[in-house]
C-alpha atoms as a PDB file:
ATOM      1  CA  MET A   1      24.993 -80.056 105.992  1.00  0.00           C
ATOM      2  CA  SER A   2      26.708 -78.372 103.176  1.00  0.00           C
ATOM      3  CA  THR A   3      24.234 -77.726 100.376  1.00  0.00           C
ATOM      4  CA  LEU A   4      22.161 -74.433  99.808  1.00  0.00           C
ATOM      5  CA  VAL A   5      18.494 -75.037  99.919  1.00  0.00           C
ATOM      6  CA  ASP A   6      16.037 -72.458  98.654  1.00  0.00           C
ATOM      7  CA  ASP A   7      12.391 -73.340  99.109  1.00  0.00           C
ATOM      8  CA  ARG A   8      11.535 -71.465  95.796  1.00  0.00           C
ATOM      9  CA  ASP A   9      12.652 -74.539  93.680  1.00  0.00           C
ATOM     10  CA  LEU A  10      10.037 -76.804  95.239  1.00  0.00           C
ATOM     11  CA  ALA A  11       9.682 -79.745  92.832  1.00  0.00           C
ATOM     12  CA  SER A  12       5.976 -80.094  93.718  1.00  0.00           C
ATOM     13  CA  SER A  13       3.085 -78.321  95.322  1.00  0.00           C
ATOM     14  CA  ARG A  14       1.769 -78.837  98.792  1.00  0.00           C
ATOM     15  CA  ASP A  15      -1.393 -80.489  97.442  1.00  0.00           C
ATOM     16  CA  CYS A  16      -0.654 -84.184  96.381  1.00  0.00           C
ATOM     17  CA  PRO A  17      -2.762 -84.885  93.036  1.00  0.00           C
ATOM     18  CA  VAL A  18      -5.835 -86.899  93.146  1.00  0.00           C
ATOM     19  CA  VAL A  19      -5.912 -89.866  90.716  1.00  0.00           C
ATOM     20  CA  GLU A  20      -9.026 -91.544  89.970  1.00  0.00           C
ATOM     21  CA  GLY A  21     -10.576 -90.236  92.961  1.00  0.00           C
ATOM     22  CA  LYS A  22      -7.880 -91.201  95.524  1.00  0.00           C
ATOM     23  CA  ARG A  23      -5.387 -88.569  96.912  1.00  0.00           C
ATOM     24  CA  GLN A  24      -1.812 -89.464  96.244  1.00  0.00           C
ATOM     25  CA  VAL A  25       1.100 -89.610  98.587  1.00  0.00           C
ATOM     26  CA  GLN A  26       4.321 -88.401  97.777  1.00  0.00           C
ATOM     27  CA  HIS A  27       7.304 -90.833  98.223  1.00  0.00           C
ATOM     28  CA  VAL A  28      10.721 -88.931  99.461  1.00  0.00           C
ATOM     29  CA  ALA A  29      13.557 -91.364  99.451  1.00  0.00           C
ATOM     30  CA  PRO A  30      16.296 -90.656 102.045  1.00  0.00           C
ATOM     31  CA  ARG A  31      20.064 -90.229 101.437  1.00  0.00           C
ATOM     32  CA  THR A  32      22.878 -91.227 103.916  1.00  0.00           C
ATOM     33  CA  ALA A  33      24.845 -88.843 105.641  1.00  0.00           C
ATOM     34  CA  ASP A  34      27.479 -89.045 108.435  1.00  0.00           C
ATOM     35  CA  VAL A  35      26.898 -87.084 111.686  1.00  0.00           C
ATOM     36  CA  GLY A  36      29.646 -87.277 114.441  1.00  0.00           C
ATOM     37  CA  GLY A  37      30.603 -90.606 112.977  1.00  0.00           C
ATOM     38  CA  ILE A  38      27.177 -92.140 112.982  1.00  0.00           C
ATOM     39  CA  PRO A  39      25.538 -93.041 109.550  1.00  0.00           C
ATOM     40  CA  VAL A  40      21.993 -91.343 109.384  1.00  0.00           C
ATOM     41  CA  ASN A  41      19.097 -91.370 106.939  1.00  0.00           C
ATOM     42  CA  ARG A  42      18.367 -87.942 105.902  1.00  0.00           C
ATOM     43  CA  VAL A  43      14.791 -87.173 104.190  1.00  0.00           C
ATOM     44  CA  LEU A  44      14.614 -83.371 104.784  1.00  0.00           C
ATOM     45  CA  PRO A  45      15.637 -81.245 102.954  1.00  0.00           C
ATOM     46  CA  SER A  46      15.785 -82.856  99.538  1.00  0.00           C
ATOM     47  CA  ARG A  47      15.268 -81.712  95.967  1.00  0.00           C
ATOM     48  CA  HIS A  48      11.799 -83.445  96.310  1.00  0.00           C
ATOM     49  CA  ARG A  49      10.714 -81.783  99.556  1.00  0.00           C
ATOM     50  CA  ARG A  50      12.072 -78.966 101.217  1.00  0.00           C
ATOM     51  CA  LEU A  51       9.721 -78.254 104.241  1.00  0.00           C
ATOM     52  CA  VAL A  52       6.732 -79.712 105.902  1.00  0.00           C
ATOM     53  CA  GLY A  53       5.348 -76.775 107.702  1.00  0.00           C
ATOM     54  CA  ALA A  54       8.314 -75.298 109.642  1.00  0.00           C
ATOM     55  CA  TRP A  55      10.230 -78.574 109.823  1.00  0.00           C
ATOM     56  CA  CYS A  56      13.145 -78.099 107.511  1.00  0.00           C
ATOM     57  CA  PHE A  57      15.573 -80.945 108.555  1.00  0.00           C
ATOM     58  CA  LEU A  58      14.915 -84.577 109.591  1.00  0.00           C
ATOM     59  CA  ASP A  59      17.704 -87.225 110.445  1.00  0.00           C
ATOM     60  CA  HIS A  60      16.925 -90.660 111.517  1.00  0.00           C
ATOM     61  CA  ALA A  61      20.083 -91.716 113.535  1.00  0.00           C
ATOM     62  CA  GLY A  62      20.553 -95.350 113.986  1.00  0.00           C
ATOM     63  CA  PRO A  63      19.502 -97.977 115.434  1.00  0.00           C
ATOM     64  CA  ALA A  64      23.404 -98.215 116.067  1.00  0.00           C
ATOM     65  CA  VAL A  65      25.309-100.376 118.163  1.00  0.00           C
ATOM     66  CA  PHE A  66      29.008 -99.173 119.106  1.00  0.00           C
ATOM     67  CA  LYS A  67      31.642-101.852 119.296  1.00  0.00           C
ATOM     68  CA  GLY A  68      35.324-102.032 120.103  1.00  0.00           C
ATOM     69  CA  ASP A  69      36.919 -98.688 121.184  1.00  0.00           C
ATOM     70  CA  SER A  70      34.083 -96.718 119.668  1.00  0.00           C
ATOM     71  CA  ARG A  71      33.163 -93.701 121.444  1.00  0.00           C
ATOM     72  CA  GLY A  72      29.816 -93.424 119.777  1.00  0.00           C
ATOM     73  CA  LEU A  73      28.518 -90.004 118.826  1.00  0.00           C
ATOM     74  CA  ARG A  74      30.777 -87.082 118.799  1.00  0.00           C
ATOM     75  CA  VAL A  75      29.700 -83.723 117.157  1.00  0.00           C
ATOM     76  CA  GLY A  76      32.315 -81.066 118.003  1.00  0.00           C
ATOM     77  CA  PRO A  77      31.343 -77.312 118.784  1.00  0.00           C
ATOM     78  CA  HIS A  78      29.324 -75.886 115.747  1.00  0.00           C
ATOM     79  CA  PRO A  79      27.069 -72.845 115.482  1.00  0.00           C
ATOM     80  CA  HIS A  80      23.271 -72.514 114.539  1.00  0.00           C
ATOM     81  CA  ILE A  81      21.053 -69.482 113.646  1.00  0.00           C
ATOM     82  CA  GLY A  82      17.455 -68.929 112.739  1.00  0.00           C
ATOM     83  CA  LEU A  83      16.236 -72.417 113.997  1.00  0.00           C
ATOM     84  CA  GLN A  84      15.448 -74.889 116.558  1.00  0.00           C
ATOM     85  CA  THR A  85      17.246 -78.043 116.957  1.00  0.00           C
ATOM     86  CA  PHE A  86      14.793 -80.766 118.056  1.00  0.00           C
ATOM     87  CA  THR A  87      15.896 -84.299 119.289  1.00  0.00           C
ATOM     88  CA  TRP A  88      13.787 -87.065 120.096  1.00  0.00           C
ATOM     89  CA  MET A  89      15.716 -89.987 121.782  1.00  0.00           C
ATOM     90  CA  ILE A  90      14.528 -93.528 121.489  1.00  0.00           C
ATOM     91  CA  GLU A  91      17.454 -95.414 122.725  1.00  0.00           C
ATOM     92  CA  GLY A  92      20.905 -94.326 124.275  1.00  0.00           C
ATOM     93  CA  GLU A  93      21.918 -91.411 126.145  1.00  0.00           C
ATOM     94  CA  VAL A  94      23.630 -88.196 124.606  1.00  0.00           C
ATOM     95  CA  LEU A  95      25.205 -85.363 126.608  1.00  0.00           C
ATOM     96  CA  HIS A  96      24.272 -81.822 125.162  1.00  0.00           C
ATOM     97  CA  ARG A  97      26.664 -78.706 126.041  1.00  0.00           C
ATOM     98  CA  ASP A  98      25.968 -75.227 124.683  1.00  0.00           C
ATOM     99  CA  SER A  99      27.642 -71.927 124.902  1.00  0.00           C
ATOM    100  CA  LEU A 100      24.894 -70.703 127.317  1.00  0.00           C
ATOM    101  CA  GLY A 101      26.468 -73.193 129.909  1.00  0.00           C
ATOM    102  CA  ASN A 102      23.793 -75.833 129.607  1.00  0.00           C
ATOM    103  CA  GLN A 103      24.778 -79.282 130.105  1.00  0.00           C
ATOM    104  CA  GLN A 104      21.831 -81.932 129.694  1.00  0.00           C
ATOM    105  CA  VAL A 105      21.792 -85.747 129.252  1.00  0.00           C
ATOM    106  CA  ILE A 106      18.991 -86.738 127.065  1.00  0.00           C
ATOM    107  CA  ARG A 107      17.524 -90.219 127.633  1.00  0.00           C
ATOM    108  CA  PRO A 108      14.792 -92.555 125.778  1.00  0.00           C
ATOM    109  CA  GLY A 109      11.581 -90.799 125.768  1.00  0.00           C
ATOM    110  CA  GLN A 110      12.561 -87.311 126.223  1.00  0.00           C
ATOM    111  CA  VAL A 111      13.123 -84.020 123.889  1.00  0.00           C
ATOM    112  CA  ASN A 112      15.902 -81.729 123.827  1.00  0.00           C
ATOM    113  CA  LEU A 113      15.016 -78.380 122.071  1.00  0.00           C
ATOM    114  CA  MET A 114      17.555 -75.569 121.480  1.00  0.00           C
ATOM    115  CA  THR A 115      16.308 -72.343 120.083  1.00  0.00           C
ATOM    116  CA  ALA A 116      19.273 -70.892 118.197  1.00  0.00           C
ATOM    117  CA  GLY A 117      17.805 -67.399 117.275  1.00  0.00           C
ATOM    118  CA  ARG A 118      20.454 -65.005 116.532  1.00  0.00           C
ATOM    119  CA  GLY A 119      23.176 -67.520 117.380  1.00  0.00           C
ATOM    120  CA  ILE A 120      24.456 -70.257 119.720  1.00  0.00           C
ATOM    121  CA  SER A 121      26.933 -73.152 119.551  1.00  0.00           C
ATOM    122  CA  HIS A 122      26.652 -76.692 121.076  1.00  0.00           C
ATOM    123  CA  THR A 123      28.208 -80.128 121.084  1.00  0.00           C
ATOM    124  CA  GLU A 124      26.589 -83.624 121.305  1.00  0.00           C
ATOM    125  CA  GLU A 125      28.308 -86.901 122.381  1.00  0.00           C
ATOM    126  CA  SER A 126      27.209 -90.189 123.625  1.00  0.00           C
ATOM    127  CA  VAL A 127      27.774 -90.724 127.382  1.00  0.00           C
ATOM    128  CA  THR A 128      30.683 -92.692 128.709  1.00  0.00           C
ATOM    129  CA  GLY A 129      30.060 -96.307 128.123  1.00  0.00           C
ATOM    130  CA  GLU A 130      26.947 -95.907 125.966  1.00  0.00           C
ATOM    131  CA  THR A 131      26.679 -98.590 123.432  1.00  0.00           C
ATOM    132  CA  HIS A 132      23.521 -97.632 121.704  1.00  0.00           C
ATOM    133  CA  LEU A 133      21.963 -94.834 119.752  1.00  0.00           C
ATOM    134  CA  HIS A 134      18.609 -94.407 118.283  1.00  0.00           C
ATOM    135  CA  ALA A 135      16.983 -90.893 117.606  1.00  0.00           C
ATOM    136  CA  ALA A 136      15.366 -88.508 115.339  1.00  0.00           C
ATOM    137  CA  GLN A 137      16.885 -85.109 114.875  1.00  0.00           C
ATOM    138  CA  LEU A 138      14.973 -82.543 113.341  1.00  0.00           C
ATOM    139  CA  TRP A 139      15.248 -78.687 112.797  1.00  0.00           C
ATOM    140  CA  ILE A 140      12.604 -76.234 112.795  1.00  0.00           C
ATOM    141  CA  ALA A 141      13.057 -72.915 110.875  1.00  0.00           C
ATOM    142  CA  LEU A 142      11.950 -69.787 113.025  1.00  0.00           C
ATOM    143  CA  PRO A 143       9.820 -67.409 111.204  1.00  0.00           C
ATOM    144  CA  GLU A 144      11.353 -64.208 109.915  1.00  0.00           C
ATOM    145  CA  ALA A 145       9.853 -62.229 112.725  1.00  0.00           C
ATOM    146  CA  ASP A 146      11.522 -64.438 115.367  1.00  0.00           C
ATOM    147  CA  ARG A 147      14.897 -65.365 113.624  1.00  0.00           C
ATOM    148  CA  ARG A 148      17.001 -63.158 115.992  1.00  0.00           C
ATOM    149  CA  THR A 149      15.137 -64.265 119.259  1.00  0.00           C
ATOM    150  CA  ASP A 150      17.490 -64.715 122.327  1.00  0.00           C
ATOM    151  CA  PRO A 151      18.949 -68.234 122.073  1.00  0.00           C
ATOM    152  CA  ARG A 152      17.716 -70.666 124.931  1.00  0.00           C
ATOM    153  CA  PHE A 153      17.778 -74.322 125.681  1.00  0.00           C
ATOM    154  CA  ASP A 154      14.905 -76.649 127.109  1.00  0.00           C
ATOM    155  CA  HIS A 155      14.669 -80.112 128.041  1.00  0.00           C
ATOM    156  CA  TYR A 156      11.454 -81.981 128.051  1.00  0.00           C
ATOM    157  CA  PRO A 157      11.334 -85.383 130.265  1.00  0.00           C
ATOM    158  CA  GLU A 158       7.780 -85.650 130.333  1.00  0.00           C
ATOM    159  CA  LEU A 159       5.184 -85.546 127.391  1.00  0.00           C
ATOM    160  CA  PRO A 160       1.773 -86.609 126.782  1.00  0.00           C
ATOM    161  CA  ARG A 161       1.475 -90.170 126.285  1.00  0.00           C
ATOM    162  CA  TRP A 162      -1.566 -92.448 125.599  1.00  0.00           C
ATOM    163  CA  GLN A 163      -2.787 -95.666 124.095  1.00  0.00           C
ATOM    164  CA  GLU A 164      -5.393 -96.334 121.192  1.00  0.00           C
ATOM    165  CA  ALA A 165      -6.146 -98.889 118.705  1.00  0.00           C
ATOM    166  CA  GLY A 166      -3.085-100.841 119.602  1.00  0.00           C
ATOM    167  CA  VAL A 167      -0.803 -97.996 119.191  1.00  0.00           C
ATOM    168  CA  ASP A 168       1.374 -96.145 121.988  1.00  0.00           C
ATOM    169  CA  PHE A 169       1.248 -92.483 121.188  1.00  0.00           C
ATOM    170  CA  THR A 170       3.700 -89.808 122.334  1.00  0.00           C
ATOM    171  CA  LEU A 171       3.001 -86.183 121.643  1.00  0.00           C
ATOM    172  CA  LEU A 172       6.276 -84.404 120.862  1.00  0.00           C
ATOM    173  CA  THR A 173       5.104 -80.834 120.178  1.00  0.00           C
ATOM    174  CA  GLY A 174       1.852 -79.101 119.463  1.00  0.00           C
ATOM    175  CA  GLU A 175      -1.700 -80.583 119.956  1.00  0.00           C
ATOM    176  CA  PHE A 176      -3.311 -83.595 118.898  1.00  0.00           C
ATOM    177  CA  ALA A 177      -6.362 -85.533 119.978  1.00  0.00           C
ATOM    178  CA  GLY A 178      -7.261 -82.845 122.467  1.00  0.00           C
ATOM    179  CA  ARG A 179      -3.771 -83.055 124.090  1.00  0.00           C
ATOM    180  CA  ARG A 180      -1.106 -80.407 124.215  1.00  0.00           C
ATOM    181  CA  ALA A 181       2.588 -80.839 124.634  1.00  0.00           C
ATOM    182  CA  PRO A 182       4.720 -78.338 126.586  1.00  0.00           C
ATOM    183  CA  THR A 183       7.351 -77.814 123.942  1.00  0.00           C
ATOM    184  CA  LEU A 184       7.923 -74.269 123.026  1.00  0.00           C
ATOM    185  CA  ALA A 185       7.067 -73.421 119.382  1.00  0.00           C
ATOM    186  CA  PHE A 186       7.093 -70.256 117.243  1.00  0.00           C
ATOM    187  CA  SER A 187       4.706 -71.408 114.465  1.00  0.00           C
ATOM    188  CA  PRO A 188       1.807 -73.878 114.364  1.00  0.00           C
ATOM    189  CA  LEU A 189       3.471 -77.310 114.578  1.00  0.00           C
ATOM    190  CA  VAL A 190       2.668 -80.852 115.531  1.00  0.00           C
ATOM    191  CA  GLY A 191       5.016 -83.980 116.288  1.00  0.00           C
ATOM    192  CA  LEU A 192       3.828 -87.315 117.173  1.00  0.00           C
ATOM    193  CA  ASP A 193       5.658 -90.646 117.827  1.00  0.00           C
ATOM    194  CA  LEU A 194       3.722 -93.822 116.984  1.00  0.00           C
ATOM    195  CA  VAL A 195       4.591 -97.499 118.181  1.00  0.00           C
ATOM    196  CA  SER A 196       2.360-100.155 117.005  1.00  0.00           C
ATOM    197  CA  ARG A 197       1.828-103.119 119.378  1.00  0.00           C
ATOM    198  CA  GLU A 198      -0.221-104.964 116.765  1.00  0.00           C
ATOM    199  CA  ALA A 199      -0.742-104.846 113.209  1.00  0.00           C
ATOM    200  CA  SER A 200      -4.109-102.942 112.611  1.00  0.00           C
ATOM    201  CA  PRO A 201      -5.208 -99.893 110.840  1.00  0.00           C
ATOM    202  CA  LEU A 202      -5.040 -96.567 112.390  1.00  0.00           C
ATOM    203  CA  ARG A 203      -7.266 -93.508 111.536  1.00  0.00           C
ATOM    204  CA  LEU A 204      -5.556 -90.202 112.411  1.00  0.00           C
ATOM    205  CA  THR A 205      -7.646 -86.944 112.210  1.00  0.00           C
ATOM    206  CA  LEU A 206      -5.771 -84.047 110.576  1.00  0.00           C
ATOM    207  CA  ARG A 207      -5.874 -80.323 110.156  1.00  0.00           C
ATOM    208  CA  GLU A 208      -6.685 -79.426 106.515  1.00  0.00           C
ATOM    209  CA  ASP A 209      -4.692 -76.190 106.988  1.00  0.00           C
ATOM    210  CA  PHE A 210      -1.641 -78.296 107.876  1.00  0.00           C
ATOM    211  CA  GLU A 211       0.831 -80.096 105.695  1.00  0.00           C
ATOM    212  CA  TYR A 212       2.112 -83.553 107.004  1.00  0.00           C
ATOM    213  CA  GLY A 213       4.673 -86.127 106.508  1.00  0.00           C
ATOM    214  CA  VAL A 214       4.946 -89.512 108.113  1.00  0.00           C
ATOM    215  CA  LEU A 215       8.403 -91.408 108.464  1.00  0.00           C
ATOM    216  CA  PRO A 216       8.535 -94.990 109.313  1.00  0.00           C
ATOM    217  CA  LEU A 217      11.498 -95.541 111.478  1.00  0.00           C
ATOM    218  CA  GLU A 218      11.163 -99.327 112.214  1.00  0.00           C
ATOM    219  CA  GLY A 219       9.326-101.390 109.809  1.00  0.00           C
ATOM    220  CA  GLU A 220       7.183-100.715 106.619  1.00  0.00           C
ATOM    221  CA  LEU A 221       4.198 -98.264 106.657  1.00  0.00           C
ATOM    222  CA  ASP A 222       1.024 -98.481 104.666  1.00  0.00           C
ATOM    223  CA  ILE A 223      -0.986 -95.581 103.876  1.00  0.00           C
ATOM    224  CA  GLU A 224      -4.350 -96.617 102.335  1.00  0.00           C
ATOM    225  CA  GLY A 225      -2.587 -99.331 100.145  1.00  0.00           C
ATOM    226  CA  ASP A 226       0.507 -97.346  99.403  1.00  0.00           C
ATOM    227  CA  THR A 227       3.654 -98.889 100.959  1.00  0.00           C
ATOM    228  CA  PHE A 228       6.603 -96.928 102.368  1.00  0.00           C
ATOM    229  CA  LEU A 229       9.823 -98.498 103.301  1.00  0.00           C
ATOM    230  CA  SER A 230      11.716 -97.693 106.534  1.00  0.00           C
ATOM    231  CA  ASN A 231      13.167 -94.292 106.225  1.00  0.00           C
ATOM    232  CA  GLU A 232      11.072 -93.301 103.266  1.00  0.00           C
ATOM    233  CA  LEU A 233       9.099 -90.145 103.902  1.00  0.00           C
ATOM    234  CA  ALA A 234       5.491 -90.219 102.979  1.00  0.00           C
ATOM    235  CA  TYR A 235       4.362 -86.570 102.195  1.00  0.00           C
ATOM    236  CA  LEU A 236       0.595 -86.082 102.624  1.00  0.00           C
ATOM    237  CA  GLY A 237       0.428 -82.427 101.748  1.00  0.00           C
ATOM    238  CA  CYS A 238      -2.445 -80.066 102.811  1.00  0.00           C
ATOM    239  CA  GLY A 239      -6.172 -80.400 102.578  1.00  0.00           C
ATOM    240  CA  ARG A 240      -6.720 -83.883 104.291  1.00  0.00           C
ATOM    241  CA  GLU A 241      -9.168 -84.346 107.096  1.00  0.00           C
ATOM    242  CA  ALA A 242      -7.842 -87.601 108.034  1.00  0.00           C
ATOM    243  CA  VAL A 243      -5.397 -90.526 107.088  1.00  0.00           C
ATOM    244  CA  THR A 244      -5.590 -94.168 107.510  1.00  0.00           C
ATOM    245  CA  LEU A 245      -2.125 -95.926 108.103  1.00  0.00           C
ATOM    246  CA  SER A 246      -0.896 -99.346 109.202  1.00  0.00           C
ATOM    247  CA  LEU A 247       2.321-100.492 110.802  1.00  0.00           C
ATOM    248  CA  PRO A 248       3.411-103.834 111.587  1.00  0.00           C
ATOM    249  CA  ALA A 249       3.483-105.143 115.365  1.00  0.00           C
ATOM    250  CA  GLY A 250       6.491-103.392 116.804  1.00  0.00           C
ATOM    251  CA  GLY A 251       6.710-100.853 113.850  1.00  0.00           C
ATOM    252  CA  ARG A 252       7.491 -97.261 114.783  1.00  0.00           C
ATOM    253  CA  ALA A 253       6.699 -93.897 112.710  1.00  0.00           C
ATOM    254  CA  ILE A 254       6.831 -90.107 113.399  1.00  0.00           C
ATOM    255  CA  LEU A 255       4.323 -87.863 112.182  1.00  0.00           C
ATOM    256  CA  VAL A 256       5.346 -84.048 111.770  1.00  0.00           C
ATOM    257  CA  GLY A 257       3.096 -81.403 110.384  1.00  0.00           C
ATOM    258  CA  GLY A 258       2.497 -77.676 110.581  1.00  0.00           C
ATOM    259  CA  ALA A 259       1.075 -74.479 108.942  1.00  0.00           C
ATOM    260  CA  PRO A 260       2.951 -73.970 105.743  1.00  0.00           C
ATOM    261  CA  LEU A 261       5.777 -71.580 106.091  1.00  0.00           C
ATOM    262  CA  ASP A 262       5.323 -69.148 103.294  1.00  0.00           C
ATOM    263  CA  GLU A 263       8.513 -67.353 103.570  1.00  0.00           C
ATOM    264  CA  GLU A 264      11.876 -67.750 101.909  1.00  0.00           C
ATOM    265  CA  ILE A 265      14.049 -70.159 103.563  1.00  0.00           C
ATOM    266  CA  LEU A 266      17.932 -70.868 102.908  1.00  0.00           C
ATOM    267  CA  ILE A 267      19.643 -73.541 104.598  1.00  0.00           C
ATOM    268  CA  TRP A 268      23.470 -73.876 104.528  1.00  0.00           C
ATOM    269  CA  TRP A 269      25.718 -75.747 106.663  1.00  0.00           C
ATOM    270  CA  ASN A 270      24.198 -75.436 110.097  1.00  0.00           C
ATOM    271  CA  PHE A 271      22.372 -72.120 109.308  1.00  0.00           C
ATOM    272  CA  VAL A 272      18.859 -71.500 108.597  1.00  0.00           C
ATOM    273  CA  GLY A 273      18.298 -67.907 107.294  1.00  0.00           C
ATOM    274  CA  HIS A 274      15.934 -65.667 105.240  1.00  0.00           C
ATOM    275  CA  SER A 275      18.776 -64.205 102.925  1.00  0.00           C
ATOM    276  CA  LYS A 276      22.355 -65.007 101.784  1.00  0.00           C
ATOM    277  CA  ALA A 277      23.777 -62.106 103.416  1.00  0.00           C
ATOM    278  CA  GLU A 278      22.303 -63.391 106.890  1.00  0.00           C
ATOM    279  CA  ILE A 279      23.942 -66.554 106.340  1.00  0.00           C
ATOM    280  CA  ALA A 280      27.201 -65.114 105.005  1.00  0.00           C
ATOM    281  CA  GLU A 281      27.638 -62.986 108.157  1.00  0.00           C
ATOM    282  CA  ALA A 282      26.982 -65.948 110.522  1.00  0.00           C
ATOM    283  CA  GLN A 283      29.747 -68.006 108.859  1.00  0.00           C
ATOM    284  CA  ARG A 284      32.071 -65.199 109.002  1.00  0.00           C
ATOM    285  CA  ASP A 285      31.407 -64.666 112.709  1.00  0.00           C
ATOM    286  CA  TRP A 286      32.127 -68.283 113.434  1.00  0.00           C
ATOM    287  CA  GLU A 287      35.124 -68.413 111.383  1.00  0.00           C
ATOM    288  CA  VAL A 288      36.774 -65.459 113.408  1.00  0.00           C
ATOM    289  CA  GLY A 289      35.598 -66.706 116.577  1.00  0.00           C
ATOM    290  CA  SER A 290      33.092 -63.994 117.230  1.00  0.00           C
ATOM    291  CA  ALA A 291      31.589 -63.808 120.751  1.00  0.00           C
ATOM    292  CA  ARG A 292      28.266 -64.143 119.062  1.00  0.00           C
ATOM    293  CA  PHE A 293      28.647 -67.948 119.353  1.00  0.00           C
ATOM    294  CA  GLY A 294      30.374 -68.037 122.752  1.00  0.00           C
ATOM    295  CA  SER A 295      32.361 -70.866 123.689  1.00  0.00           C
ATOM    296  CA  ILE A 296      31.678 -74.500 125.096  1.00  0.00           C
ATOM    297  CA  PRO A 297      34.151 -75.475 127.902  1.00  0.00           C
ATOM    298  CA  GLY A 298      34.533 -79.237 128.586  1.00  0.00           C
ATOM    299  CA  TYR A 299      34.573 -80.598 125.125  1.00  0.00           C
ATOM    300  CA  ASP A 300      38.026 -82.121 124.276  1.00  0.00           C
ATOM    301  CA  GLY A 301      37.752 -81.753 120.440  1.00  0.00           C
ATOM    302  CA  GLU A 302      38.235 -79.157 117.683  1.00  0.00           C
ATOM    303  CA  PRO A 303      35.413 -76.849 116.514  1.00  0.00           C
ATOM    304  CA  LEU A 304      33.730 -77.836 113.159  1.00  0.00           C
ATOM    305  CA  MET A 305      34.298 -75.515 110.410  1.00  0.00           C
ATOM    306  CA  PRO A 306      32.106 -74.806 107.311  1.00  0.00           C
ATOM    307  CA  PRO A 307      32.960 -75.141 103.663  1.00  0.00           C
ATOM    308  CA  PRO A 308      33.342 -71.956 101.476  1.00  0.00           C
ATOM    309  CA  LEU A 309      30.196 -70.278 100.740  1.00  0.00           C
ATOM    310  CA  PRO A 310      29.033 -71.626  97.195  1.00  0.00           C
ATOM    311  CA  TRP A 311      28.107 -68.159  96.027  1.00  0.00           C
ATOM    312  CA  GLN A 312      31.511 -66.822  96.931  1.00  0.00           C
ATOM    313  CA  ALA A 313      33.588 -69.534  95.650  1.00  0.00           C
END
């Protein structure tokens, strides 16, 4: 991540327009990025949409198959502040290490959640012999009041799961349909994985005070006659009581939502901050090897270093 993103320059409001009596849905196209040697589709942040609730970053990694002498995903030591990293594993196994001493393999159907707070560093790499990777990797911006909270790591191997209308649901975070996920959150959020076993419409009840986005991970997504290609985010905005969507048989999508985060948010490299000074301090601390970000024993690679700050170039 090497662009400065400021939520004051939103290209459109949180309220999708109504045309001829029908509430529109914003199309947000992905761009391709490279993370640890794996091509990913990145839909947040973009110039068209910065935030969905406190969700400020969304990568769809894979599905990827490693061939030959590929070691798969390898993301060297790097720091974070002011956010939670949220990994939802669909296929493959990845080892997380961090500067608090945690080591955790995440497997399909599990969530890894790392709360950076005032500062943490970590690595991610495919386990030895792993040949596949498919995951959604997201960031959640911490509210200003919680931005310097103590860093921590949480692993969630068990999440609420149920079936309805030919769809398999997994509640990743927050509350939905009378269920609550155990996932730690600092602001009102929801994350929901949907896998369609048959092609049929599905009506989801929404909170009018939340803004929502739906990302098709596999297969096209239809929202009330509007088609979204795989990796194209459907931004629903605020004020909806419900939405009707359709996936093909075997299709998969992730719904994210939350209360709008009405605070100034800046994203630069791997940092989320509420001011340029806060980000500049973190970058200096990482570059000089400050104890703030600790160290990660066991990883046989060099740490990642940020590009120069754009406002100091």
